[in-house]
Amino acid sequence: KAEPWGISAGPDGNIWFTENNVNKIGRLNPRSGVVTEYALPIANSDPFLITPGPDGKMWFTQRAGDAIGRIDVKTGEISELKVGTGDVHPSGIAAGVDGNMWFMEHGTSHVAKIGTGKGPLVTTSITGSPRVGATLTCADVNYTKGTILSRQYLWLRNGKAITGAQGRTYRLGARDAGANVACRQSFLFEAGLVTMGTRSADVHVKGLTRR
C-alpha cells in the first residue's frame, strides 16, 4: 500500500502527494484522473509533507532520510539534500516570504531554512514621518504576483508588541518618543500558501519639538 500522506496543489494545476509506504512522490491530474509516481533516490526516506516553493517546484520533507527533497513539476527531476547530522526528522515545511523554504526538525526541536535561489517574496516597510503625533503606515511589496487573501498586522515598540496596535496604521504617542518602532505582517496567499510573516526595519521616533 502506498499510504499517501502529505498533499498539495502544484503550480502546474496538478495535485502532488507523498507516498509514505512506497517511498515515492505522486502526481494526480485532476482532469484525467491519471496518477504518475516518482521513486525517491534515498531509500526508505519516509516522505512526509509537500508544498509548492517560490521557484515553481514542489518541496517535501523526508523524515527517515533526514533530507529535504525537491521535484521539478515539468521534468520530474528530483533533488535531495541531507540536513543535520542524523535524527533530524524534518516534518512540516512551508515557503517563507524571504524566498526560502522553512521546515521543522522534529528530532532536534529546531526550525531551519533552505535557499531556493529566489529573493524575497514580500517585503514590508513603514511610510510616514516618525514623530510623535504622526501616523505611520505598514506597507508591503508583493513580488509573488499571487493573490494575498488576507493580512494581519502587529506593531512593535523596541521589539515588543504594542497592546491594541494591530491595524495597518499606527498613530505615534508620547510613549513612542525616543523608541524604535516596527511593523510585522502575516499573509495568507491563495492556494493555501501560509507564510510566517515579514518584519519592517525599525524607525526611530522623534519627540515633540518644544519652542
N, C-alpha and C. Protein backbone atom coordinates (compact mmCIF):
# COMPACT_ATOMS: atom_id res chain seq x y z
N LYS A 1 0.83 -1.20 0.00
CA LYS A 1 0.00 0.00 0.00
C LYS A 1 0.86 1.25 0.00
N ALA A 2 0.42 2.25 -0.76
CA ALA A 2 1.22 3.47 -0.91
C ALA A 2 1.21 4.32 0.36
N GLU A 3 0.11 4.33 1.09
CA GLU A 3 -0.07 5.16 2.28
C GLU A 3 0.24 6.63 1.99
N PRO A 4 -0.59 7.26 1.11
CA PRO A 4 -0.39 8.69 0.84
C PRO A 4 -0.55 9.52 2.11
N TRP A 5 0.27 10.57 2.23
CA TRP A 5 0.27 11.36 3.46
C TRP A 5 0.07 12.85 3.15
N GLY A 6 1.16 13.56 2.86
CA GLY A 6 1.04 14.98 2.54
C GLY A 6 0.45 15.19 1.16
N ILE A 7 -0.30 16.29 0.98
CA ILE A 7 -0.92 16.58 -0.31
C ILE A 7 -1.02 18.09 -0.49
N SER A 8 -0.81 18.54 -1.74
CA SER A 8 -0.86 19.98 -2.01
C SER A 8 -1.09 20.21 -3.50
N ALA A 9 -1.78 21.31 -3.81
CA ALA A 9 -1.92 21.73 -5.21
C ALA A 9 -0.59 22.26 -5.70
N GLY A 10 -0.24 21.94 -6.95
CA GLY A 10 1.01 22.40 -7.52
C GLY A 10 0.81 23.56 -8.47
N PRO A 11 1.86 24.28 -8.82
CA PRO A 11 1.75 25.42 -9.74
C PRO A 11 1.40 25.00 -11.16
N ASP A 12 1.48 23.70 -11.45
CA ASP A 12 1.15 23.19 -12.77
C ASP A 12 -0.31 22.78 -12.91
N GLY A 13 -1.10 22.98 -11.85
CA GLY A 13 -2.51 22.62 -11.90
C GLY A 13 -2.78 21.19 -11.48
N ASN A 14 -1.75 20.42 -11.15
CA ASN A 14 -1.91 19.05 -10.69
C ASN A 14 -1.90 18.97 -9.16
N ILE A 15 -2.30 17.83 -8.64
CA ILE A 15 -2.26 17.57 -7.20
C ILE A 15 -1.05 16.69 -6.91
N TRP A 16 -0.21 17.13 -5.99
CA TRP A 16 1.01 16.40 -5.65
C TRP A 16 0.89 15.83 -4.24
N PHE A 17 1.40 14.63 -4.02
CA PHE A 17 1.28 14.00 -2.71
C PHE A 17 2.45 13.06 -2.45
N THR A 18 2.69 12.79 -1.18
CA THR A 18 3.75 11.86 -0.80
C THR A 18 3.16 10.47 -0.57
N GLU A 19 3.92 9.44 -0.93
CA GLU A 19 3.52 8.06 -0.71
C GLU A 19 4.49 7.45 0.30
N ASN A 20 4.11 7.57 1.53
CA ASN A 20 4.98 7.24 2.65
C ASN A 20 5.50 5.81 2.63
N ASN A 21 4.63 4.87 2.28
CA ASN A 21 4.97 3.47 2.43
C ASN A 21 5.80 2.89 1.28
N VAL A 22 5.77 3.56 0.13
CA VAL A 22 6.50 3.05 -1.04
C VAL A 22 7.62 3.98 -1.47
N ASN A 23 7.86 5.05 -0.69
CA ASN A 23 8.98 5.96 -0.93
C ASN A 23 8.90 6.63 -2.30
N LYS A 24 7.73 7.22 -2.58
CA LYS A 24 7.53 7.87 -3.87
C LYS A 24 6.78 9.19 -3.69
N ILE A 25 6.89 10.02 -4.73
CA ILE A 25 6.07 11.21 -4.84
C ILE A 25 5.05 10.96 -5.94
N GLY A 26 3.80 11.30 -5.68
CA GLY A 26 2.75 11.07 -6.66
C GLY A 26 2.21 12.37 -7.23
N ARG A 27 1.73 12.27 -8.47
CA ARG A 27 1.10 13.41 -9.13
C ARG A 27 -0.24 12.97 -9.70
N LEU A 28 -1.30 13.69 -9.36
CA LEU A 28 -2.64 13.38 -9.85
C LEU A 28 -3.11 14.48 -10.78
N ASN A 29 -3.44 14.11 -12.01
CA ASN A 29 -4.03 15.06 -12.94
C ASN A 29 -5.53 15.11 -12.66
N PRO A 30 -6.04 16.23 -12.12
CA PRO A 30 -7.46 16.26 -11.72
C PRO A 30 -8.43 16.22 -12.90
N ARG A 31 -7.93 16.48 -14.09
CA ARG A 31 -8.80 16.46 -15.27
C ARG A 31 -8.95 15.05 -15.84
N SER A 32 -7.84 14.32 -15.89
CA SER A 32 -7.89 12.98 -16.49
C SER A 32 -7.97 11.87 -15.45
N GLY A 33 -7.57 12.19 -14.20
CA GLY A 33 -7.54 11.17 -13.16
C GLY A 33 -6.30 10.29 -13.20
N VAL A 34 -5.37 10.61 -14.09
CA VAL A 34 -4.14 9.81 -14.23
C VAL A 34 -3.17 10.13 -13.10
N VAL A 35 -2.62 9.08 -12.49
CA VAL A 35 -1.64 9.23 -11.42
C VAL A 35 -0.27 8.80 -11.93
N THR A 36 0.73 9.65 -11.70
CA THR A 36 2.12 9.35 -12.06
C THR A 36 2.94 9.30 -10.78
N GLU A 37 3.82 8.32 -10.67
CA GLU A 37 4.63 8.16 -9.47
C GLU A 37 6.11 8.35 -9.79
N TYR A 38 6.84 8.93 -8.83
CA TYR A 38 8.28 9.19 -8.98
C TYR A 38 9.00 8.60 -7.77
N ALA A 39 9.87 7.64 -8.02
CA ALA A 39 10.63 7.00 -6.94
C ALA A 39 11.71 7.93 -6.42
N LEU A 40 11.93 7.90 -5.10
CA LEU A 40 12.94 8.76 -4.48
C LEU A 40 14.28 8.05 -4.39
N PRO A 41 15.38 8.77 -4.68
CA PRO A 41 16.72 8.15 -4.64
C PRO A 41 17.11 7.64 -3.26
N ILE A 42 16.82 8.40 -2.19
CA ILE A 42 17.17 7.94 -0.84
C ILE A 42 16.18 6.86 -0.42
N ALA A 43 16.69 5.66 -0.15
CA ALA A 43 15.82 4.53 0.18
C ALA A 43 15.12 4.71 1.53
N ASN A 44 13.87 4.26 1.60
CA ASN A 44 13.10 4.27 2.86
C ASN A 44 13.16 5.64 3.55
N SER A 45 12.99 6.70 2.77
CA SER A 45 13.19 8.05 3.30
C SER A 45 11.99 8.61 4.05
N ASP A 46 10.83 7.94 3.97
CA ASP A 46 9.64 8.37 4.68
C ASP A 46 9.20 9.77 4.24
N PRO A 47 8.85 9.97 2.96
CA PRO A 47 8.37 11.28 2.52
C PRO A 47 7.11 11.66 3.28
N PHE A 48 7.08 12.91 3.74
CA PHE A 48 6.02 13.31 4.67
C PHE A 48 5.13 14.41 4.10
N LEU A 49 5.50 15.68 4.27
CA LEU A 49 4.68 16.77 3.78
C LEU A 49 5.27 17.40 2.53
N ILE A 50 4.43 18.00 1.69
CA ILE A 50 4.85 18.55 0.41
C ILE A 50 4.14 19.87 0.17
N THR A 51 4.84 20.84 -0.45
CA THR A 51 4.27 22.16 -0.67
C THR A 51 4.97 22.84 -1.83
N PRO A 52 4.32 23.77 -2.53
CA PRO A 52 4.99 24.48 -3.62
C PRO A 52 5.99 25.50 -3.10
N GLY A 53 7.08 25.70 -3.85
CA GLY A 53 8.08 26.69 -3.50
C GLY A 53 8.05 27.87 -4.44
N PRO A 54 8.74 28.94 -4.12
CA PRO A 54 8.75 30.14 -4.95
C PRO A 54 9.45 29.95 -6.29
N ASP A 55 10.17 28.83 -6.45
CA ASP A 55 10.86 28.52 -7.69
C ASP A 55 10.00 27.72 -8.66
N GLY A 56 8.72 27.49 -8.31
CA GLY A 56 7.84 26.75 -9.19
C GLY A 56 7.97 25.24 -9.06
N LYS A 57 8.73 24.77 -8.09
CA LYS A 57 8.91 23.34 -7.86
C LYS A 57 8.18 22.93 -6.58
N MET A 58 8.01 21.62 -6.40
CA MET A 58 7.38 21.10 -5.19
C MET A 58 8.47 20.65 -4.23
N TRP A 59 8.37 21.07 -2.97
CA TRP A 59 9.34 20.74 -1.93
C TRP A 59 8.70 19.82 -0.90
N PHE A 60 9.47 18.87 -0.39
CA PHE A 60 8.91 17.91 0.56
C PHE A 60 9.95 17.50 1.59
N THR A 61 9.46 17.03 2.73
CA THR A 61 10.35 16.55 3.79
C THR A 61 10.45 15.03 3.74
N GLN A 62 11.62 14.53 4.17
CA GLN A 62 11.87 13.09 4.22
C GLN A 62 12.34 12.76 5.64
N ARG A 63 11.40 12.31 6.46
CA ARG A 63 11.67 12.18 7.89
C ARG A 63 12.77 11.17 8.20
N ALA A 64 12.63 9.96 7.69
CA ALA A 64 13.63 8.94 7.98
C ALA A 64 14.93 9.17 7.22
N GLY A 65 14.83 9.87 6.10
CA GLY A 65 16.01 10.14 5.29
C GLY A 65 16.79 11.35 5.76
N ASP A 66 16.24 12.09 6.75
CA ASP A 66 16.87 13.32 7.23
C ASP A 66 17.25 14.22 6.05
N ALA A 67 16.27 14.46 5.19
CA ALA A 67 16.55 15.21 3.97
C ALA A 67 15.36 16.07 3.58
N ILE A 68 15.66 17.08 2.75
CA ILE A 68 14.65 17.90 2.11
C ILE A 68 14.73 17.61 0.62
N GLY A 69 13.58 17.31 0.02
CA GLY A 69 13.56 16.98 -1.40
C GLY A 69 12.84 18.04 -2.21
N ARG A 70 13.15 18.04 -3.51
CA ARG A 70 12.53 18.98 -4.44
C ARG A 70 12.30 18.26 -5.77
N ILE A 71 11.11 18.43 -6.34
CA ILE A 71 10.82 17.80 -7.61
C ILE A 71 10.36 18.85 -8.61
N ASP A 72 10.92 18.79 -9.81
CA ASP A 72 10.56 19.70 -10.88
C ASP A 72 9.22 19.25 -11.47
N VAL A 73 8.21 20.12 -11.44
CA VAL A 73 6.88 19.71 -11.89
C VAL A 73 6.82 19.50 -13.40
N LYS A 74 7.80 20.02 -14.13
CA LYS A 74 7.81 19.88 -15.59
C LYS A 74 8.55 18.62 -16.04
N THR A 75 9.66 18.32 -15.39
CA THR A 75 10.50 17.21 -15.84
C THR A 75 10.46 15.99 -14.93
N GLY A 76 10.02 16.17 -13.68
CA GLY A 76 10.03 15.08 -12.72
C GLY A 76 11.39 14.85 -12.08
N GLU A 77 12.36 15.72 -12.39
CA GLU A 77 13.70 15.58 -11.81
C GLU A 77 13.65 15.83 -10.31
N ILE A 78 14.32 14.96 -9.55
CA ILE A 78 14.30 15.03 -8.09
C ILE A 78 15.68 15.37 -7.55
N SER A 79 15.72 16.32 -6.61
CA SER A 79 16.95 16.66 -5.89
C SER A 79 16.69 16.44 -4.41
N GLU A 80 17.69 15.93 -3.70
CA GLU A 80 17.56 15.71 -2.27
C GLU A 80 18.78 16.27 -1.55
N LEU A 81 18.54 16.92 -0.43
CA LEU A 81 19.63 17.50 0.35
C LEU A 81 19.54 16.99 1.78
N LYS A 82 20.59 16.35 2.24
CA LYS A 82 20.66 15.88 3.62
C LYS A 82 20.78 17.08 4.55
N VAL A 83 20.07 17.04 5.68
CA VAL A 83 20.13 18.12 6.65
C VAL A 83 20.55 17.55 8.00
N GLY A 84 21.35 18.33 8.73
CA GLY A 84 21.79 17.89 10.05
C GLY A 84 22.78 16.73 9.99
N THR A 85 22.97 16.10 11.12
CA THR A 85 23.94 15.00 11.23
C THR A 85 23.28 13.72 11.72
N GLY A 86 21.99 13.62 11.54
CA GLY A 86 21.29 12.41 11.97
C GLY A 86 20.21 12.70 12.98
N ASP A 87 19.11 11.94 12.89
CA ASP A 87 17.97 12.08 13.81
C ASP A 87 17.38 13.48 13.79
N VAL A 88 17.40 14.13 12.63
CA VAL A 88 16.79 15.44 12.49
C VAL A 88 15.28 15.31 12.27
N HIS A 89 14.89 14.36 11.44
CA HIS A 89 13.49 14.06 11.15
C HIS A 89 12.70 15.30 10.73
N PRO A 90 13.04 15.92 9.60
CA PRO A 90 12.27 17.08 9.15
C PRO A 90 10.81 16.71 8.89
N SER A 91 9.90 17.59 9.28
CA SER A 91 8.47 17.27 9.14
C SER A 91 7.73 18.36 8.37
N GLY A 92 7.22 19.38 9.07
CA GLY A 92 6.48 20.44 8.38
C GLY A 92 7.38 21.30 7.52
N ILE A 93 6.83 21.83 6.42
CA ILE A 93 7.61 22.67 5.51
C ILE A 93 6.69 23.69 4.85
N ALA A 94 7.20 24.91 4.66
CA ALA A 94 6.40 25.98 4.03
C ALA A 94 7.33 26.99 3.40
N ALA A 95 6.84 27.67 2.38
CA ALA A 95 7.59 28.74 1.74
C ALA A 95 7.50 30.00 2.58
N GLY A 96 8.63 30.68 2.75
CA GLY A 96 8.65 31.93 3.52
C GLY A 96 8.67 33.13 2.61
N VAL A 97 8.31 34.28 3.15
CA VAL A 97 8.28 35.50 2.34
C VAL A 97 9.69 35.99 1.99
N ASP A 98 10.71 35.38 2.55
CA ASP A 98 12.09 35.74 2.23
C ASP A 98 12.63 34.95 1.06
N GLY A 99 11.81 34.09 0.43
CA GLY A 99 12.26 33.30 -0.71
C GLY A 99 12.85 31.95 -0.34
N ASN A 100 12.96 31.67 0.96
CA ASN A 100 13.50 30.39 1.43
C ASN A 100 12.37 29.42 1.76
N MET A 101 12.72 28.13 1.87
CA MET A 101 11.80 27.13 2.39
C MET A 101 12.14 26.91 3.86
N TRP A 102 11.15 27.00 4.72
CA TRP A 102 11.32 26.82 6.15
C TRP A 102 10.73 25.49 6.58
N PHE A 103 11.43 24.78 7.45
CA PHE A 103 10.94 23.47 7.86
C PHE A 103 11.24 23.21 9.33
N MET A 104 10.47 22.31 9.90
CA MET A 104 10.64 21.92 11.30
C MET A 104 11.52 20.68 11.39
N GLU A 105 12.41 20.67 12.37
CA GLU A 105 13.24 19.49 12.64
C GLU A 105 12.67 18.84 13.90
N HIS A 106 11.84 17.84 13.69
CA HIS A 106 11.14 17.21 14.81
C HIS A 106 12.13 16.59 15.81
N GLY A 107 13.22 16.04 15.32
CA GLY A 107 14.16 15.35 16.18
C GLY A 107 15.03 16.26 17.01
N THR A 108 15.16 17.53 16.61
CA THR A 108 16.04 18.46 17.31
C THR A 108 15.30 19.65 17.93
N SER A 109 13.98 19.74 17.67
CA SER A 109 13.17 20.87 18.15
C SER A 109 13.68 22.20 17.60
N HIS A 110 14.16 22.16 16.35
CA HIS A 110 14.64 23.38 15.70
C HIS A 110 13.76 23.72 14.51
N VAL A 111 13.82 24.97 14.08
CA VAL A 111 13.26 25.41 12.81
C VAL A 111 14.43 25.82 11.93
N ALA A 112 14.43 25.39 10.68
CA ALA A 112 15.55 25.65 9.79
C ALA A 112 15.03 26.14 8.43
N LYS A 113 15.95 26.63 7.61
CA LYS A 113 15.57 27.11 6.29
C LYS A 113 16.56 26.62 5.25
N ILE A 114 16.08 26.58 4.00
CA ILE A 114 16.93 26.18 2.89
C ILE A 114 16.64 27.12 1.73
N GLY A 115 17.67 27.57 1.05
CA GLY A 115 17.50 28.53 -0.04
C GLY A 115 16.92 27.90 -1.30
N THR A 116 16.22 28.73 -2.08
CA THR A 116 15.61 28.27 -3.33
C THR A 116 16.20 28.97 -4.55
N GLY A 117 17.06 29.94 -4.32
CA GLY A 117 17.59 30.71 -5.44
C GLY A 117 16.73 31.91 -5.80
N LYS A 118 15.66 32.12 -5.02
CA LYS A 118 14.77 33.25 -5.25
C LYS A 118 14.95 34.28 -4.14
N GLY A 119 14.72 35.54 -4.48
CA GLY A 119 14.83 36.59 -3.49
C GLY A 119 13.58 36.70 -2.64
N PRO A 120 13.47 37.80 -1.88
CA PRO A 120 12.29 37.98 -1.03
C PRO A 120 11.00 37.92 -1.83
N LEU A 121 9.97 37.30 -1.26
CA LEU A 121 8.67 37.21 -1.92
C LEU A 121 7.80 38.41 -1.56
N VAL A 122 7.93 38.87 -0.34
CA VAL A 122 7.19 40.05 0.13
C VAL A 122 8.12 40.83 1.05
N THR A 123 8.17 42.12 0.88
CA THR A 123 8.93 42.96 1.81
C THR A 123 7.98 43.95 2.48
N THR A 124 8.27 44.28 3.71
CA THR A 124 7.44 45.21 4.48
C THR A 124 8.26 46.44 4.85
N SER A 125 7.63 47.59 4.77
CA SER A 125 8.31 48.84 5.13
C SER A 125 7.30 49.77 5.80
N ILE A 126 7.82 50.82 6.43
CA ILE A 126 6.98 51.81 7.11
C ILE A 126 7.05 53.12 6.34
N THR A 127 5.88 53.71 6.09
CA THR A 127 5.83 55.03 5.48
C THR A 127 5.23 56.01 6.49
N GLY A 128 5.59 57.28 6.34
CA GLY A 128 5.12 58.32 7.25
C GLY A 128 6.27 58.91 8.04
N SER A 129 6.01 60.03 8.67
CA SER A 129 7.04 60.73 9.44
C SER A 129 7.14 60.16 10.85
N PRO A 130 8.32 59.73 11.28
CA PRO A 130 8.47 59.10 12.60
C PRO A 130 8.59 60.12 13.73
N ARG A 131 7.51 60.78 14.01
CA ARG A 131 7.49 61.75 15.10
C ARG A 131 6.18 61.63 15.86
N VAL A 132 6.20 61.96 17.12
CA VAL A 132 5.01 61.86 17.96
C VAL A 132 3.88 62.70 17.38
N GLY A 133 2.70 62.09 17.31
CA GLY A 133 1.53 62.75 16.75
C GLY A 133 1.27 62.39 15.30
N ALA A 134 2.28 61.83 14.61
CA ALA A 134 2.11 61.45 13.21
C ALA A 134 1.57 60.02 13.11
N THR A 135 1.04 59.67 11.95
CA THR A 135 0.52 58.33 11.71
C THR A 135 1.42 57.58 10.73
N LEU A 136 1.84 56.40 11.12
CA LEU A 136 2.66 55.54 10.27
C LEU A 136 1.78 54.51 9.59
N THR A 137 2.22 54.06 8.42
CA THR A 137 1.50 53.04 7.66
C THR A 137 2.43 51.86 7.39
N CYS A 138 1.89 50.66 7.60
CA CYS A 138 2.63 49.42 7.32
C CYS A 138 2.36 49.04 5.86
N ALA A 139 3.37 49.17 5.01
CA ALA A 139 3.22 48.92 3.58
C ALA A 139 4.01 47.69 3.17
N ASP A 140 3.65 47.11 2.03
CA ASP A 140 4.39 45.94 1.55
C ASP A 140 4.48 45.94 0.04
N VAL A 141 5.46 45.21 -0.46
CA VAL A 141 5.59 44.97 -1.90
C VAL A 141 5.52 43.47 -2.10
N ASN A 142 4.56 43.00 -2.91
CA ASN A 142 4.34 41.58 -3.16
C ASN A 142 5.00 41.19 -4.47
N TYR A 143 6.12 40.45 -4.39
CA TYR A 143 6.85 40.05 -5.58
C TYR A 143 6.35 38.73 -6.17
N THR A 144 5.42 38.07 -5.47
CA THR A 144 4.98 36.75 -5.92
C THR A 144 4.02 36.82 -7.11
N LYS A 145 3.38 37.95 -7.28
CA LYS A 145 2.33 38.15 -8.29
C LYS A 145 1.12 37.26 -7.99
N GLY A 146 1.12 36.64 -6.82
CA GLY A 146 -0.03 35.85 -6.39
C GLY A 146 -0.97 36.71 -5.56
N THR A 147 -2.18 36.24 -5.38
CA THR A 147 -3.18 37.00 -4.65
C THR A 147 -3.03 36.77 -3.15
N ILE A 148 -2.93 37.86 -2.40
CA ILE A 148 -2.92 37.78 -0.94
C ILE A 148 -4.37 37.85 -0.47
N LEU A 149 -4.82 36.78 0.17
CA LEU A 149 -6.21 36.71 0.60
C LEU A 149 -6.47 37.54 1.86
N SER A 150 -5.50 37.58 2.76
CA SER A 150 -5.68 38.36 3.98
C SER A 150 -4.33 38.72 4.57
N ARG A 151 -4.35 39.78 5.39
CA ARG A 151 -3.15 40.26 6.08
C ARG A 151 -3.48 40.45 7.56
N GLN A 152 -2.48 40.26 8.38
CA GLN A 152 -2.59 40.59 9.79
C GLN A 152 -1.41 41.48 10.16
N TYR A 153 -1.67 42.50 10.98
CA TYR A 153 -0.64 43.47 11.33
C TYR A 153 -0.35 43.44 12.83
N LEU A 154 0.88 43.76 13.17
CA LEU A 154 1.27 43.91 14.56
C LEU A 154 2.39 44.95 14.64
N TRP A 155 2.19 45.95 15.49
CA TRP A 155 3.20 47.00 15.67
C TRP A 155 4.05 46.70 16.90
N LEU A 156 5.33 47.02 16.80
CA LEU A 156 6.30 46.72 17.86
C LEU A 156 6.98 48.00 18.32
N ARG A 157 7.22 48.08 19.61
CA ARG A 157 7.99 49.18 20.19
C ARG A 157 9.21 48.58 20.89
N ASN A 158 10.39 48.91 20.41
CA ASN A 158 11.63 48.34 20.94
C ASN A 158 11.57 46.80 20.96
N GLY A 159 10.99 46.24 19.91
CA GLY A 159 10.96 44.79 19.74
C GLY A 159 9.81 44.08 20.42
N LYS A 160 8.98 44.80 21.17
CA LYS A 160 7.86 44.18 21.89
C LYS A 160 6.53 44.66 21.32
N ALA A 161 5.53 43.76 21.30
CA ALA A 161 4.22 44.08 20.75
C ALA A 161 3.57 45.23 21.51
N ILE A 162 2.96 46.16 20.76
CA ILE A 162 2.22 47.28 21.36
C ILE A 162 0.77 46.84 21.53
N THR A 163 0.28 46.88 22.73
CA THR A 163 -1.08 46.45 23.02
C THR A 163 -2.11 47.21 22.18
N GLY A 164 -2.97 46.46 21.48
CA GLY A 164 -4.03 47.06 20.70
C GLY A 164 -3.62 47.60 19.35
N ALA A 165 -2.33 47.55 19.02
CA ALA A 165 -1.84 48.10 17.75
C ALA A 165 -1.76 46.98 16.71
N GLN A 166 -2.90 46.67 16.10
CA GLN A 166 -2.97 45.56 15.15
C GLN A 166 -3.64 45.97 13.85
N GLY A 167 -3.53 47.24 13.51
CA GLY A 167 -4.09 47.74 12.26
C GLY A 167 -2.99 48.10 11.27
N ARG A 168 -3.40 48.47 10.07
CA ARG A 168 -2.42 48.82 9.03
C ARG A 168 -1.70 50.13 9.38
N THR A 169 -2.39 51.00 10.12
CA THR A 169 -1.77 52.26 10.51
C THR A 169 -1.62 52.34 12.03
N TYR A 170 -0.70 53.20 12.45
CA TYR A 170 -0.46 53.37 13.89
C TYR A 170 -0.10 54.83 14.15
N ARG A 171 -0.84 55.45 15.08
CA ARG A 171 -0.57 56.83 15.46
C ARG A 171 0.41 56.86 16.62
N LEU A 172 1.50 57.55 16.42
CA LEU A 172 2.56 57.60 17.42
C LEU A 172 2.16 58.48 18.60
N GLY A 173 2.38 57.95 19.82
CA GLY A 173 2.05 58.68 21.03
C GLY A 173 3.27 59.02 21.84
N ALA A 174 3.02 59.59 23.02
CA ALA A 174 4.11 60.04 23.88
C ALA A 174 5.03 58.89 24.30
N ARG A 175 4.46 57.68 24.47
CA ARG A 175 5.27 56.53 24.87
C ARG A 175 6.27 56.12 23.80
N ASP A 176 6.01 56.54 22.56
CA ASP A 176 6.88 56.14 21.46
C ASP A 176 8.08 57.07 21.28
N ALA A 177 8.07 58.21 21.95
CA ALA A 177 9.16 59.18 21.81
C ALA A 177 10.49 58.55 22.21
N GLY A 178 11.46 58.62 21.32
CA GLY A 178 12.78 58.07 21.59
C GLY A 178 12.89 56.56 21.39
N ALA A 179 11.79 55.92 21.02
CA ALA A 179 11.80 54.45 20.85
C ALA A 179 11.96 54.07 19.38
N ASN A 180 12.24 52.81 19.17
CA ASN A 180 12.28 52.25 17.82
C ASN A 180 10.98 51.49 17.57
N VAL A 181 10.31 51.83 16.48
CA VAL A 181 9.02 51.23 16.14
C VAL A 181 9.14 50.46 14.84
N ALA A 182 8.48 49.30 14.77
CA ALA A 182 8.48 48.47 13.56
C ALA A 182 7.10 47.86 13.38
N CYS A 183 6.80 47.37 12.19
CA CYS A 183 5.54 46.65 11.97
C CYS A 183 5.85 45.26 11.40
N ARG A 184 4.98 44.33 11.75
CA ARG A 184 5.12 42.95 11.29
C ARG A 184 3.81 42.56 10.60
N GLN A 185 3.94 41.84 9.49
CA GLN A 185 2.76 41.37 8.76
C GLN A 185 2.79 39.86 8.61
N SER A 186 1.62 39.24 8.63
CA SER A 186 1.47 37.83 8.28
C SER A 186 0.49 37.76 7.12
N PHE A 187 0.75 36.86 6.18
CA PHE A 187 -0.04 36.80 4.96
C PHE A 187 -0.66 35.42 4.76
N LEU A 188 -1.83 35.41 4.16
CA LEU A 188 -2.42 34.17 3.67
C LEU A 188 -2.59 34.31 2.17
N PHE A 189 -1.88 33.47 1.42
CA PHE A 189 -1.95 33.51 -0.03
C PHE A 189 -2.98 32.53 -0.56
N GLU A 190 -3.35 32.72 -1.82
CA GLU A 190 -4.21 31.77 -2.49
C GLU A 190 -3.49 30.42 -2.58
N ALA A 191 -4.24 29.37 -2.85
CA ALA A 191 -3.71 28.00 -2.94
C ALA A 191 -3.20 27.50 -1.60
N GLY A 192 -3.62 28.19 -0.52
CA GLY A 192 -3.30 27.69 0.81
C GLY A 192 -1.87 27.91 1.25
N LEU A 193 -1.13 28.81 0.58
CA LEU A 193 0.24 29.09 0.97
C LEU A 193 0.24 30.06 2.15
N VAL A 194 0.56 29.56 3.33
CA VAL A 194 0.56 30.39 4.53
C VAL A 194 2.00 30.75 4.87
N THR A 195 2.28 32.02 5.06
CA THR A 195 3.64 32.43 5.38
C THR A 195 3.76 32.76 6.86
N MET A 196 4.99 32.80 7.33
CA MET A 196 5.24 33.13 8.72
C MET A 196 5.22 34.64 8.97
N GLY A 197 5.32 35.42 7.91
CA GLY A 197 5.26 36.87 8.06
C GLY A 197 6.58 37.55 7.75
N THR A 198 6.53 38.84 7.68
CA THR A 198 7.71 39.63 7.36
C THR A 198 7.70 40.89 8.22
N ARG A 199 8.87 41.38 8.57
CA ARG A 199 9.01 42.49 9.50
C ARG A 199 9.74 43.63 8.84
N SER A 200 9.30 44.85 9.12
CA SER A 200 9.97 46.03 8.59
C SER A 200 11.23 46.33 9.39
N ALA A 201 12.02 47.22 8.86
CA ALA A 201 13.15 47.75 9.63
C ALA A 201 12.61 48.71 10.69
N ASP A 202 13.37 48.90 11.76
CA ASP A 202 12.98 49.84 12.80
C ASP A 202 13.06 51.28 12.30
N VAL A 203 12.16 52.12 12.79
CA VAL A 203 12.29 53.57 12.60
C VAL A 203 12.38 54.20 13.98
N HIS A 204 13.24 55.19 14.11
CA HIS A 204 13.43 55.86 15.40
C HIS A 204 12.48 57.04 15.48
N VAL A 205 11.70 57.10 16.56
CA VAL A 205 10.67 58.12 16.71
C VAL A 205 11.22 59.35 17.41
N LYS A 206 10.96 60.48 16.82
CA LYS A 206 11.37 61.76 17.42
C LYS A 206 10.29 62.25 18.36
N GLY A 207 10.66 62.97 19.37
CA GLY A 207 9.70 63.53 20.30
C GLY A 207 9.11 64.83 19.81
N LEU A 208 8.21 65.41 20.60
CA LEU A 208 7.64 66.70 20.25
C LEU A 208 8.68 67.80 20.37
N THR A 209 8.67 68.70 19.41
CA THR A 209 9.64 69.81 19.44
C THR A 209 9.10 70.94 20.30
N ARG A 210 9.87 71.33 21.30
CA ARG A 210 9.47 72.44 22.15
C ARG A 210 10.01 73.76 21.64
N ARG A 211 9.18 74.78 21.74
CA ARG A 211 9.59 76.11 21.29
C ARG A 211 9.80 77.04 22.49
